[in-house]
Amino acid sequence: MEPEKVEELKGTQFSGVLTLALLASSATLWIGIIQRWRRGEPILPARFRSLKVRVPKLAVGLMVIYLGISLVAIAGSHGKTVDVLSPDVAHNMLLAVLIDGVVTIPLMLMALLGGQHSQADVVRLGFRSDDIWGQLRDGFRGFLAAALPVTLVLLATSPLRSDENLHPFLRILNDEGHTRERLLILLTAGILAPLKEELLFRVVLQNWLTQYFPAAFAIVFTSVVFGAIHGYPDCFPIAVLSLVLGIVYHRRRSYLAVVTLHGLFNGYNLLATMLSGGA
């Protein structure tokens, strides 16, 4: 067997073992969650007694504009595929995503924090400096909790997937000729995307909806929109991930926790894809 094939086989085997370990950990966590629920205990303790917080109108306006543009772009690209992603096309695509994150994140932070007159509201938005390790732990546990249901939905929707509708980032990762682009993907998907998307969806959209509707509606609606901007058929497992993100954020009110959860999820998927692709 050729050395390249041997390495690819080893990568696939390691990815499989890693996935099984993750799913076993997720199942164990869910057993504990169900047991607490049956005893009438909270699945996740609330960090604050009052979970409602005012979201500045400027932040809401920027969020609505951003999501509107994103949804129009997704609708316009539906059904369109690119057979070959050349290095230049891939590089330009990733640079655009990188610039988007670098611009959007500080703008949203300024709109959020500049419009708050109370430190208590800043903390309730999720920008907490207390118990950093606890917030990271909440994010890790949320990642474990999301693994099993997201995987089940992925399996259920696998007939909808094909090479034509595979996410461009995953196509780049499977191409051995895009080393530079892989590094950009790790930066954008592993760091910038969680920072940006959790600001837009959890901190702004979900909080804003919670001002007017029950928390359950806010979490579900936010998850539907979050799934929609990721396109078809990724919208289904991504919406399930968003439900977990929404619950963790609502109960623990920690931006760091949901960014950690989101970053771990994206990072794991990138790693599994590279290993399976023989990277």
Foldseek 3Di string as FASTA:
>chain_A
DDPLVVLLVVLLVVLVVVLVVLLVLLVVLVVVLVVCVVVVHDSFAFQDPDLAADFFPVLLVVLVVVLVVLLVVQVVCPPPFDPDCDLVNLVVVLVVLVVCLVPQLVVNVCRGVVPDPDPVRVVSLAPDDPPLVVLLVLLVSLLSNLSNVLVVQCVVCVVVDDPRPPPPLLVLLLDPVRPVSLVSCCCRQQASCLSRVCSSQQSHQLSVVVVPDPSVVSQLVSLQSQLSSVHPPSSRSSSSSSSSLSVSCSRYVHSSSSSSNSNVNSVSVSSSSNSNSSD
